[in-house]
């Protein structure tokens, strides 16, 4: 798994990473890398950190990504759904620490 946290510039990602590490350990997932994306509200495809994540998944470096909430991928529903589809195309999974809200 890759642990991915997106924050505003200057925000400390460690509280998020600690919770993600705890969940990964509880599921016995091997954490291959942590990625901190401090690009704020930039859409995923414009983020260097997100593009590195996608490169890692496409190359088989990890089989999935664990994020705190869907908002760490994108606050825009269309971009979020597109990101999920792209991850799935690489036969990888996305896991959220906090489930998506019911619609």
PDB file of N, CA and C in Angstrom:
ATOM      1  N   UNK A   1       0.834  -1.185   0.000  1.00  0.00           N
ATOM      2  CA  UNK A   1       0.000   0.000   0.000  1.00  0.00           C
ATOM      3  C   UNK A   1       0.874   1.243   0.000  1.00  0.00           C
ATOM      4  N   UNK A   2       0.306   2.270  -0.575  1.00  0.00           N
ATOM      5  CA  UNK A   2       0.905   3.593  -0.495  1.00  0.00           C
ATOM      6  C   UNK A   2      -0.031   4.441   0.362  1.00  0.00           C
ATOM      7  N   UNK A   3       0.532   5.114   1.334  1.00  0.00           N
ATOM      8  CA  UNK A   3      -0.241   6.033   2.161  1.00  0.00           C
ATOM      9  C   UNK A   3      -0.135   7.406   1.524  1.00  0.00           C
ATOM     10  N   UNK A   4      -1.280   8.020   1.262  1.00  0.00           N
ATOM     11  CA  UNK A   4      -1.312   9.297   0.549  1.00  0.00           C
ATOM     12  C   UNK A   4      -2.091  10.311   1.367  1.00  0.00           C
ATOM     13  N   UNK A   5      -1.456  11.437   1.652  1.00  0.00           N
ATOM     14  CA  UNK A   5      -2.091  12.520   2.404  1.00  0.00           C
ATOM     15  C   UNK A   5      -1.925  13.810   1.624  1.00  0.00           C
ATOM     16  N   UNK A   6      -3.036  14.495   1.408  1.00  0.00           N
ATOM     17  CA  UNK A   6      -3.014  15.797   0.729  1.00  0.00           C
ATOM     18  C   UNK A   6      -3.371  16.868   1.753  1.00  0.00           C
ATOM     19  N   UNK A   7      -2.527  17.897   1.832  1.00  0.00           N
ATOM     20  CA  UNK A   7      -2.758  18.977   2.783  1.00  0.00           C
ATOM     21  C   UNK A   7      -2.591  20.324   2.095  1.00  0.00           C
ATOM     22  N   UNK A   8      -2.894  21.344   2.845  1.00  0.00           N
ATOM     23  CA  UNK A   8      -2.560  22.695   2.416  1.00  0.00           C
ATOM     24  C   UNK A   8      -1.064  22.899   2.641  1.00  0.00           C
ATOM     25  N   UNK A   9      -0.432  23.777   1.900  1.00  0.00           N
ATOM     26  CA  UNK A   9       0.992  24.042   2.125  1.00  0.00           C
ATOM     27  C   UNK A   9       1.246  24.440   3.587  1.00  0.00           C
ATOM     28  N   UNK A  10       2.250  23.826   4.193  1.00  0.00           N
ATOM     29  CA  UNK A  10       2.614  24.129   5.569  1.00  0.00           C
ATOM     30  C   UNK A  10       1.884  23.318   6.624  1.00  0.00           C
ATOM     31  N   UNK A  11       0.856  22.580   6.243  1.00  0.00           N
ATOM     32  CA  UNK A  11       0.103  21.766   7.200  1.00  0.00           C
ATOM     33  C   UNK A  11       0.879  20.486   7.500  1.00  0.00           C
ATOM     34  N   UNK A  12       0.892  20.071   8.763  1.00  0.00           N
ATOM     35  CA  UNK A  12       1.606  18.870   9.193  1.00  0.00           C
ATOM     36  C   UNK A  12       0.816  17.616   8.797  1.00  0.00           C
ATOM     37  N   UNK A  13       1.399  16.735   7.972  1.00  0.00           N
ATOM     38  CA  UNK A  13       0.685  15.530   7.558  1.00  0.00           C
ATOM     39  C   UNK A  13       0.785  14.380   8.561  1.00  0.00           C
ATOM     40  N   UNK A  14       1.675  14.490   9.550  1.00  0.00           N
ATOM     41  CA  UNK A  14       1.954  13.347  10.425  1.00  0.00           C
ATOM     42  C   UNK A  14       0.748  12.807  11.187  1.00  0.00           C
ATOM     43  N   UNK A  15      -0.156  13.636  11.706  1.00  0.00           N
ATOM     44  CA  UNK A  15      -1.328  13.047  12.367  1.00  0.00           C
ATOM     45  C   UNK A  15      -2.135  12.142  11.420  1.00  0.00           C
ATOM     46  N   UNK A  16      -2.241  12.540  10.167  1.00  0.00           N
ATOM     47  CA  UNK A  16      -2.939  11.706   9.179  1.00  0.00           C
ATOM     48  C   UNK A  16      -2.165  10.415   8.930  1.00  0.00           C
ATOM     49  N   UNK A  17      -0.847  10.539   8.727  1.00  0.00           N
ATOM     50  CA  UNK A  17      -0.037   9.351   8.450  1.00  0.00           C
ATOM     51  C   UNK A  17      -0.074   8.363   9.615  1.00  0.00           C
ATOM     52  N   UNK A  18      -0.092   8.857  10.845  1.00  0.00           N
ATOM     53  CA  UNK A  18      -0.148   7.950  11.989  1.00  0.00           C
ATOM     54  C   UNK A  18      -1.423   7.114  11.950  1.00  0.00           C
ATOM     55  N   UNK A  19      -2.555   7.761  11.701  1.00  0.00           N
ATOM     56  CA  UNK A  19      -3.821   7.011  11.634  1.00  0.00           C
ATOM     57  C   UNK A  19      -3.812   6.015  10.475  1.00  0.00           C
ATOM     58  N   UNK A  20      -3.236   6.422   9.343  1.00  0.00           N
ATOM     59  CA  UNK A  20      -3.164   5.515   8.196  1.00  0.00           C
ATOM     60  C   UNK A  20      -2.251   4.329   8.495  1.00  0.00           C
ATOM     61  N   UNK A  21      -1.102   4.584   9.137  1.00  0.00           N
ATOM     62  CA  UNK A  21      -0.195   3.486   9.495  1.00  0.00           C
ATOM     63  C   UNK A  21      -0.883   2.502  10.435  1.00  0.00           C
ATOM     64  N   UNK A  22      -1.643   3.034  11.398  1.00  0.00           N
ATOM     65  CA  UNK A  22      -2.367   2.172  12.337  1.00  0.00           C
ATOM     66  C   UNK A  22      -3.371   1.286  11.604  1.00  0.00           C
ATOM     67  N   UNK A  23      -4.110   1.859  10.656  1.00  0.00           N
ATOM     68  CA  UNK A  23      -5.083   1.055   9.905  1.00  0.00           C
ATOM     69  C   UNK A  23      -4.365   0.010   9.060  1.00  0.00           C
ATOM     70  N   UNK A  24      -3.291   0.409   8.398  1.00  0.00           N
ATOM     71  CA  UNK A  24      -2.538  -0.534   7.563  1.00  0.00           C
ATOM     72  C   UNK A  24      -2.002  -1.685   8.415  1.00  0.00           C
ATOM     73  N   UNK A  25      -1.473  -1.379   9.585  1.00  0.00           N
ATOM     74  CA  UNK A  25      -0.953  -2.424  10.472  1.00  0.00           C
ATOM     75  C   UNK A  25      -2.073  -3.356  10.919  1.00  0.00           C
ATOM     76  N   UNK A  26      -3.228  -2.791  11.241  1.00  0.00           N
ATOM     77  CA  UNK A  26      -4.367  -3.598  11.658  1.00  0.00           C
ATOM     78  C   UNK A  26      -4.866  -4.536  10.572  1.00  0.00           C
ATOM     79  N   UNK A  27      -4.671  -4.154   9.334  1.00  0.00           N
ATOM     80  CA  UNK A  27      -5.081  -4.994   8.198  1.00  0.00           C
ATOM     81  C   UNK A  27      -3.934  -5.867   7.685  1.00  0.00           C
ATOM     82  N   UNK A  28      -2.759  -5.712   8.311  1.00  0.00           N
ATOM     83  CA  UNK A  28      -1.544  -6.432   7.904  1.00  0.00           C
ATOM     84  C   UNK A  28      -1.132  -6.098   6.479  1.00  0.00           C
ATOM     85  N   UNK A  29      -1.341  -4.840   6.095  1.00  0.00           N
ATOM     86  CA  UNK A  29      -0.904  -4.363   4.787  1.00  0.00           C
ATOM     87  C   UNK A  29       0.534  -3.883   4.884  1.00  0.00           C
ATOM     88  N   UNK A  30       1.324  -4.189   3.900  1.00  0.00           N
ATOM     89  CA  UNK A  30       2.702  -3.708   3.829  1.00  0.00           C
ATOM     90  C   UNK A  30       2.680  -2.311   3.217  1.00  0.00           C
ATOM     91  N   UNK A  31       3.240  -1.354   3.923  1.00  0.00           N
ATOM     92  CA  UNK A  31       3.313   0.020   3.423  1.00  0.00           C
ATOM     93  C   UNK A  31       4.611   0.165   2.639  1.00  0.00           C
ATOM     94  N   UNK A  32       4.480   0.408   1.358  1.00  0.00           N
ATOM     95  CA  UNK A  32       5.643   0.535   0.479  1.00  0.00           C
ATOM     96  C   UNK A  32       6.178   1.958   0.424  1.00  0.00           C
ATOM     97  N   UNK A  33       5.292   2.936   0.622  1.00  0.00           N
ATOM     98  CA  UNK A  33       5.713   4.335   0.508  1.00  0.00           C
ATOM     99  C   UNK A  33       4.651   5.227   1.145  1.00  0.00           C
ATOM    100  N   UNK A  34       5.098   6.390   1.620  1.00  0.00           N
ATOM    101  CA  UNK A  34       4.173   7.445   2.032  1.00  0.00           C
ATOM    102  C   UNK A  34       4.391   8.626   1.098  1.00  0.00           C
ATOM    103  N   UNK A  35       3.296   9.226   0.696  1.00  0.00           N
ATOM    104  CA  UNK A  35       3.370  10.392  -0.182  1.00  0.00           C
ATOM    105  C   UNK A  35       2.590  11.527   0.461  1.00  0.00           C
ATOM    106  N   UNK A  36       3.288  12.639   0.673  1.00  0.00           N
ATOM    107  CA  UNK A  36       2.638  13.845   1.181  1.00  0.00           C
ATOM    108  C   UNK A  36       2.497  14.822   0.025  1.00  0.00           C
ATOM    109  N   UNK A  37       1.276  15.167  -0.273  1.00  0.00           N
ATOM    110  CA  UNK A  37       0.959  16.110  -1.346  1.00  0.00           C
ATOM    111  C   UNK A  37       0.501  17.407  -0.689  1.00  0.00           C
ATOM    112  N   UNK A  38       1.323  18.443  -0.781  1.00  0.00           N
ATOM    113  CA  UNK A  38       0.949  19.710  -0.150  1.00  0.00           C
ATOM    114  C   UNK A  38       0.457  20.733  -1.170  1.00  0.00           C
ATOM    115  N   UNK A  39      -0.187  20.219  -2.213  1.00  0.00           N
ATOM    116  CA  UNK A  39      -0.676  21.101  -3.281  1.00  0.00           C
ATOM    117  C   UNK A  39      -2.046  21.702  -2.978  1.00  0.00           C
ATOM    118  N   UNK A  40      -2.618  21.373  -1.837  1.00  0.00           N
ATOM    119  CA  UNK A  40      -3.918  21.942  -1.477  1.00  0.00           C
ATOM    120  C   UNK A  40      -5.036  21.429  -2.364  1.00  0.00           C
ATOM    121  N   UNK A  41      -5.837  22.333  -2.870  1.00  0.00           N
ATOM    122  CA  UNK A  41      -7.035  21.964  -3.627  1.00  0.00           C
ATOM    123  C   UNK A  41      -6.788  21.774  -5.124  1.00  0.00           C
ATOM    124  N   UNK A  42      -5.558  21.588  -5.527  1.00  0.00           N
ATOM    125  CA  UNK A  42      -5.246  21.350  -6.936  1.00  0.00           C
ATOM    126  C   UNK A  42      -5.875  20.022  -7.362  1.00  0.00           C
ATOM    127  N   UNK A  43      -6.416  19.960  -8.573  1.00  0.00           N
ATOM    128  CA  UNK A  43      -7.006  18.709  -9.054  1.00  0.00           C
ATOM    129  C   UNK A  43      -5.907  17.651  -9.152  1.00  0.00           C
ATOM    130  N   UNK A  44      -6.257  16.380  -8.956  1.00  0.00           N
ATOM    131  CA  UNK A  44      -5.242  15.335  -8.903  1.00  0.00           C
ATOM    132  C   UNK A  44      -4.280  15.314 -10.094  1.00  0.00           C
ATOM    133  N   UNK A  45      -4.787  15.450 -11.289  1.00  0.00           N
ATOM    134  CA  UNK A  45      -3.925  15.328 -12.470  1.00  0.00           C
ATOM    135  C   UNK A  45      -2.896  16.440 -12.585  1.00  0.00           C
ATOM    136  N   UNK A  46      -3.067  17.523 -11.849  1.00  0.00           N
ATOM    137  CA  UNK A  46      -2.112  18.645 -11.880  1.00  0.00           C
ATOM    138  C   UNK A  46      -1.114  18.581 -10.724  1.00  0.00           C
ATOM    139  N   UNK A  47      -1.185  17.529  -9.928  1.00  0.00           N
ATOM    140  CA  UNK A  47      -0.327  17.388  -8.755  1.00  0.00           C
ATOM    141  C   UNK A  47       0.821  16.424  -9.047  1.00  0.00           C
ATOM    142  N   UNK A  48       2.052  16.868  -8.821  1.00  0.00           N
ATOM    143  CA  UNK A  48       3.222  16.007  -9.030  1.00  0.00           C
ATOM    144  C   UNK A  48       3.174  14.796  -8.098  1.00  0.00           C
ATOM    145  N   UNK A  49       2.727  14.999  -6.862  1.00  0.00           N
ATOM    146  CA  UNK A  49       2.650  13.895  -5.905  1.00  0.00           C
ATOM    147  C   UNK A  49       1.620  12.855  -6.355  1.00  0.00           C
ATOM    148  N   UNK A  50       0.460  13.317  -6.828  1.00  0.00           N
ATOM    149  CA  UNK A  50      -0.561  12.386  -7.318  1.00  0.00           C
ATOM    150  C   UNK A  50      -0.052  11.629  -8.543  1.00  0.00           C
ATOM    151  N   UNK A  51       0.617  12.325  -9.435  1.00  0.00           N
ATOM    152  CA  UNK A  51       1.146  11.668 -10.632  1.00  0.00           C
ATOM    153  C   UNK A  51       2.205  10.632 -10.268  1.00  0.00           C
ATOM    154  N   UNK A  52       2.990  10.876  -9.205  1.00  0.00           N
ATOM    155  CA  UNK A  52       3.952   9.875  -8.731  1.00  0.00           C
ATOM    156  C   UNK A  52       3.212   8.654  -8.199  1.00  0.00           C
ATOM    157  N   UNK A  53       2.142   8.890  -7.449  1.00  0.00           N
ATOM    158  CA  UNK A  53       1.326   7.785  -6.949  1.00  0.00           C
ATOM    159  C   UNK A  53       0.823   6.929  -8.102  1.00  0.00           C
ATOM    160  N   UNK A  54       0.272   7.563  -9.125  1.00  0.00           N
ATOM    161  CA  UNK A  54      -0.258   6.817 -10.264  1.00  0.00           C
ATOM    162  C   UNK A  54       0.851   6.054 -10.994  1.00  0.00           C
ATOM    163  N   UNK A  55       2.023   6.646 -11.101  1.00  0.00           N
ATOM    164  CA  UNK A  55       3.164   5.969 -11.725  1.00  0.00           C
ATOM    165  C   UNK A  55       3.547   4.727 -10.913  1.00  0.00           C
ATOM    166  N   UNK A  56       3.573   4.856  -9.595  1.00  0.00           N
ATOM    167  CA  UNK A  56       3.889   3.718  -8.730  1.00  0.00           C
ATOM    168  C   UNK A  56       2.870   2.592  -8.896  1.00  0.00           C
ATOM    169  N   UNK A  57       1.588   2.939  -8.933  1.00  0.00           N
ATOM    170  CA  UNK A  57       0.551   1.918  -9.091  1.00  0.00           C
ATOM    171  C   UNK A  57       0.630   1.267 -10.466  1.00  0.00           C
ATOM    172  N   UNK A  58       0.824   2.075 -11.496  1.00  0.00           N
ATOM    173  CA  UNK A  58       0.908   1.541 -12.864  1.00  0.00           C
ATOM    174  C   UNK A  58       2.100   0.607 -13.016  1.00  0.00           C
ATOM    175  N   UNK A  59       3.180   0.901 -12.305  1.00  0.00           N
ATOM    176  CA  UNK A  59       4.389   0.088 -12.403  1.00  0.00           C
ATOM    177  C   UNK A  59       4.393  -1.129 -11.500  1.00  0.00           C
ATOM    178  N   UNK A  60       3.331  -1.336 -10.729  1.00  0.00           N
ATOM    179  CA  UNK A  60       3.245  -2.502  -9.862  1.00  0.00           C
ATOM    180  C   UNK A  60       3.996  -2.362  -8.545  1.00  0.00           C
ATOM    181  N   UNK A  61       4.434  -1.150  -8.208  1.00  0.00           N
ATOM    182  CA  UNK A  61       5.170  -0.926  -6.966  1.00  0.00           C
ATOM    183  C   UNK A  61       4.302  -1.221  -5.747  1.00  0.00           C
ATOM    184  N   UNK A  62       3.012  -0.950  -5.854  1.00  0.00           N
ATOM    185  CA  UNK A  62       2.061  -1.211  -4.775  1.00  0.00           C
ATOM    186  C   UNK A  62       0.730  -1.598  -5.403  1.00  0.00           C
ATOM    187  N   UNK A  63      -0.124  -2.232  -4.611  1.00  0.00           N
ATOM    188  CA  UNK A  63      -1.415  -2.709  -5.118  1.00  0.00           C
ATOM    189  C   UNK A  63      -2.578  -1.829  -4.701  1.00  0.00           C
ATOM    190  N   UNK A  64      -2.283  -0.716  -4.016  1.00  0.00           N
ATOM    191  CA  UNK A  64      -3.375   0.156  -3.633  1.00  0.00           C
ATOM    192  C   UNK A  64      -2.903   1.381  -2.887  1.00  0.00           C
ATOM    193  N   UNK A  65      -3.879   2.232  -2.583  1.00  0.00           N
ATOM    194  CA  UNK A  65      -3.611   3.484  -1.880  1.00  0.00           C
ATOM    195  C   UNK A  65      -4.595   3.620  -0.724  1.00  0.00           C
ATOM    196  N   UNK A  66      -4.087   4.083   0.407  1.00  0.00           N
ATOM    197  CA  UNK A  66      -4.898   4.332   1.591  1.00  0.00           C
ATOM    198  C   UNK A  66      -4.846   5.827   1.877  1.00  0.00           C
ATOM    199  N   UNK A  67      -6.013   6.453   1.960  1.00  0.00           N
ATOM    200  CA  UNK A  67      -6.115   7.898   2.202  1.00  0.00           C
ATOM    201  C   UNK A  67      -7.047   8.148   3.392  1.00  0.00           C
ATOM    202  N   UNK A  68      -6.895   9.301   4.073  1.00  0.00           N
ATOM    203  CA  UNK A  68      -7.779   9.577   5.214  1.00  0.00           C
ATOM    204  C   UNK A  68      -9.256   9.687   4.828  1.00  0.00           C
ATOM    205  N   UNK A  69      -9.561  10.500   3.813  1.00  0.00           N
ATOM    206  CA  UNK A  69     -10.935  10.692   3.349  1.00  0.00           C
ATOM    207  C   UNK A  69     -10.909  10.927   1.843  1.00  0.00           C
ATOM    208  N   UNK A  70     -12.063  10.874   1.229  1.00  0.00           N
ATOM    209  CA  UNK A  70     -12.133  11.117  -0.212  1.00  0.00           C
ATOM    210  C   UNK A  70     -11.604  12.497  -0.569  1.00  0.00           C
ATOM    211  N   UNK A  71     -11.720  13.450   0.346  1.00  0.00           N
ATOM    212  CA  UNK A  71     -11.276  14.824   0.081  1.00  0.00           C
ATOM    213  C   UNK A  71      -9.761  14.903  -0.134  1.00  0.00           C
ATOM    214  N   UNK A  72      -9.029  13.914   0.330  1.00  0.00           N
ATOM    215  CA  UNK A  72      -7.582  13.904   0.107  1.00  0.00           C
ATOM    216  C   UNK A  72      -7.260  13.533  -1.339  1.00  0.00           C
ATOM    217  N   UNK A  73      -8.219  12.975  -2.039  1.00  0.00           N
ATOM    218  CA  UNK A  73      -8.052  12.724  -3.474  1.00  0.00           C
ATOM    219  C   UNK A  73      -8.544  13.942  -4.238  1.00  0.00           C
ATOM    220  N   UNK A  74      -9.785  14.335  -4.015  1.00  0.00           N
ATOM    221  CA  UNK A  74     -10.324  15.546  -4.636  1.00  0.00           C
ATOM    222  C   UNK A  74     -11.640  15.920  -3.974  1.00  0.00           C
ATOM    223  N   UNK A  75     -11.857  17.221  -3.823  1.00  0.00           N
ATOM    224  CA  UNK A  75     -13.143  17.693  -3.294  1.00  0.00           C
ATOM    225  C   UNK A  75     -14.190  17.756  -4.402  1.00  0.00           C
ATOM    226  N   UNK A  76     -13.751  17.689  -5.635  1.00  0.00           N
ATOM    227  CA  UNK A  76     -14.646  17.715  -6.793  1.00  0.00           C
ATOM    228  C   UNK A  76     -15.067  16.280  -7.119  1.00  0.00           C
ATOM    229  N   UNK A  77     -16.370  16.035  -7.106  1.00  0.00           N
ATOM    230  CA  UNK A  77     -16.884  14.678  -7.300  1.00  0.00           C
ATOM    231  C   UNK A  77     -16.437  14.059  -8.622  1.00  0.00           C
ATOM    232  N   UNK A  78     -16.458  14.815  -9.696  1.00  0.00           N
ATOM    233  CA  UNK A  78     -16.069  14.277 -11.006  1.00  0.00           C
ATOM    234  C   UNK A  78     -14.593  13.878 -11.020  1.00  0.00           C
ATOM    235  N   UNK A  79     -13.725  14.718 -10.463  1.00  0.00           N
ATOM    236  CA  UNK A  79     -12.297  14.384 -10.414  1.00  0.00           C
ATOM    237  C   UNK A  79     -12.050  13.194  -9.491  1.00  0.00           C
ATOM    238  N   UNK A  80     -12.788  13.136  -8.389  1.00  0.00           N
ATOM    239  CA  UNK A  80     -12.660  12.015  -7.460  1.00  0.00           C
ATOM    240  C   UNK A  80     -13.028  10.702  -8.150  1.00  0.00           C
ATOM    241  N   UNK A  81     -14.172  10.686  -8.822  1.00  0.00           N
ATOM    242  CA  UNK A  81     -14.598   9.468  -9.514  1.00  0.00           C
ATOM    243  C   UNK A  81     -13.630   9.087 -10.626  1.00  0.00           C
ATOM    244  N   UNK A  82     -13.115  10.079 -11.347  1.00  0.00           N
ATOM    245  CA  UNK A  82     -12.126   9.805 -12.387  1.00  0.00           C
ATOM    246  C   UNK A  82     -10.871   9.177 -11.780  1.00  0.00           C
ATOM    247  N   UNK A  83     -10.439   9.701 -10.644  1.00  0.00           N
ATOM    248  CA  UNK A  83      -9.254   9.152  -9.981  1.00  0.00           C
ATOM    249  C   UNK A  83      -9.488   7.701  -9.569  1.00  0.00           C
ATOM    250  N   UNK A  84     -10.667   7.395  -9.036  1.00  0.00           N
ATOM    251  CA  UNK A  84     -10.978   6.012  -8.660  1.00  0.00           C
ATOM    252  C   UNK A  84     -10.932   5.086  -9.866  1.00  0.00           C
ATOM    253  N   UNK A  85     -11.479   5.546 -10.989  1.00  0.00           N
ATOM    254  CA  UNK A  85     -11.457   4.734 -12.208  1.00  0.00           C
ATOM    255  C   UNK A  85     -10.028   4.493 -12.682  1.00  0.00           C
ATOM    256  N   UNK A  86      -9.194   5.519 -12.619  1.00  0.00           N
ATOM    257  CA  UNK A  86      -7.798   5.372 -13.051  1.00  0.00           C
ATOM    258  C   UNK A  86      -7.044   4.381 -12.166  1.00  0.00           C
ATOM    259  N   UNK A  87      -7.290   4.450 -10.872  1.00  0.00           N
ATOM    260  CA  UNK A  87      -6.650   3.499  -9.961  1.00  0.00           C
ATOM    261  C   UNK A  87      -7.125   2.088 -10.279  1.00  0.00           C
ATOM    262  N   UNK A  88      -8.423   1.926 -10.481  1.00  0.00           N
ATOM    263  CA  UNK A  88      -8.988   0.615 -10.800  1.00  0.00           C
ATOM    264  C   UNK A  88      -8.436   0.067 -12.123  1.00  0.00           C
ATOM    265  N   UNK A  89      -8.188   0.938 -13.089  1.00  0.00           N
ATOM    266  CA  UNK A  89      -7.619   0.494 -14.369  1.00  0.00           C
ATOM    267  C   UNK A  89      -6.278  -0.200 -14.180  1.00  0.00           C
ATOM    268  N   UNK A  90      -5.562   0.154 -13.120  1.00  0.00           N
ATOM    269  CA  UNK A  90      -4.272  -0.478 -12.822  1.00  0.00           C
ATOM    270  C   UNK A  90      -4.448  -1.708 -11.931  1.00  0.00           C
ATOM    271  N   UNK A  91      -5.705  -2.125 -11.755  1.00  0.00           N
ATOM    272  CA  UNK A  91      -6.042  -3.275 -10.918  1.00  0.00           C
ATOM    273  C   UNK A  91      -5.570  -3.079  -9.481  1.00  0.00           C
ATOM    274  N   UNK A  92      -5.738  -1.858  -9.024  1.00  0.00           N
ATOM    275  CA  UNK A  92      -5.368  -1.492  -7.663  1.00  0.00           C
ATOM    276  C   UNK A  92      -6.608  -1.047  -6.900  1.00  0.00           C
ATOM    277  N   UNK A  93      -6.475  -0.998  -5.595  1.00  0.00           N
ATOM    278  CA  UNK A  93      -7.611  -0.618  -4.757  1.00  0.00           C
ATOM    279  C   UNK A  93      -7.380   0.725  -4.088  1.00  0.00           C
ATOM    280  N   UNK A  94      -8.477   1.335  -3.691  1.00  0.00           N
ATOM    281  CA  UNK A  94      -8.460   2.562  -2.905  1.00  0.00           C
ATOM    282  C   UNK A  94      -9.172   2.263  -1.596  1.00  0.00           C
ATOM    283  N   UNK A  95      -8.538   2.605  -0.491  1.00  0.00           N
ATOM    284  CA  UNK A  95      -9.168   2.431   0.811  1.00  0.00           C
ATOM    285  C   UNK A  95      -9.197   3.780   1.520  1.00  0.00           C
ATOM    286  N   UNK A  96     -10.345   4.091   2.105  1.00  0.00           N
ATOM    287  CA  UNK A  96     -10.528   5.342   2.840  1.00  0.00           C
ATOM    288  C   UNK A  96     -10.580   5.044   4.332  1.00  0.00           C
ATOM    289  N   UNK A  97      -9.863   5.820   5.115  1.00  0.00           N
ATOM    290  CA  UNK A  97      -9.928   5.674   6.562  1.00  0.00           C
ATOM    291  C   UNK A  97     -11.339   6.002   7.051  1.00  0.00           C
ATOM    292  N   UNK A  98     -11.905   7.076   6.517  1.00  0.00           N
ATOM    293  CA  UNK A  98     -13.284   7.470   6.816  1.00  0.00           C
ATOM    294  C   UNK A  98     -14.100   7.213   5.553  1.00  0.00           C
ATOM    295  N   UNK A  99     -15.117   6.349   5.623  1.00  0.00           N
ATOM    296  CA  UNK A  99     -15.897   6.027   4.425  1.00  0.00           C
ATOM    297  C   UNK A  99     -16.533   7.256   3.782  1.00  0.00           C
ATOM    298  N   UNK A 100     -16.839   7.118   2.500  1.00  0.00           N
ATOM    299  CA  UNK A 100     -17.540   8.181   1.776  1.00  0.00           C
ATOM    300  C   UNK A 100     -18.894   8.421   2.428  1.00  0.00           C
ATOM    301  N   UNK A 101     -19.360   9.670   2.412  1.00  0.00           N
ATOM    302  CA  UNK A 101     -20.704   9.925   2.941  1.00  0.00           C
ATOM    303  C   UNK A 101     -21.763   9.284   2.046  1.00  0.00           C
ATOM    304  N   UNK A 102     -22.839   8.831   2.651  1.00  0.00           N
ATOM    305  CA  UNK A 102     -23.942   8.253   1.878  1.00  0.00           C
ATOM    306  C   UNK A 102     -24.628   9.355   1.085  1.00  0.00           C
ATOM    307  N   UNK A 103     -25.019   9.027  -0.142  1.00  0.00           N
ATOM    308  CA  UNK A 103     -25.711  10.020  -0.968  1.00  0.00           C
ATOM    309  C   UNK A 103     -27.144   9.628  -1.190  1.00  0.00           C
TER     310      UNK A 103
END
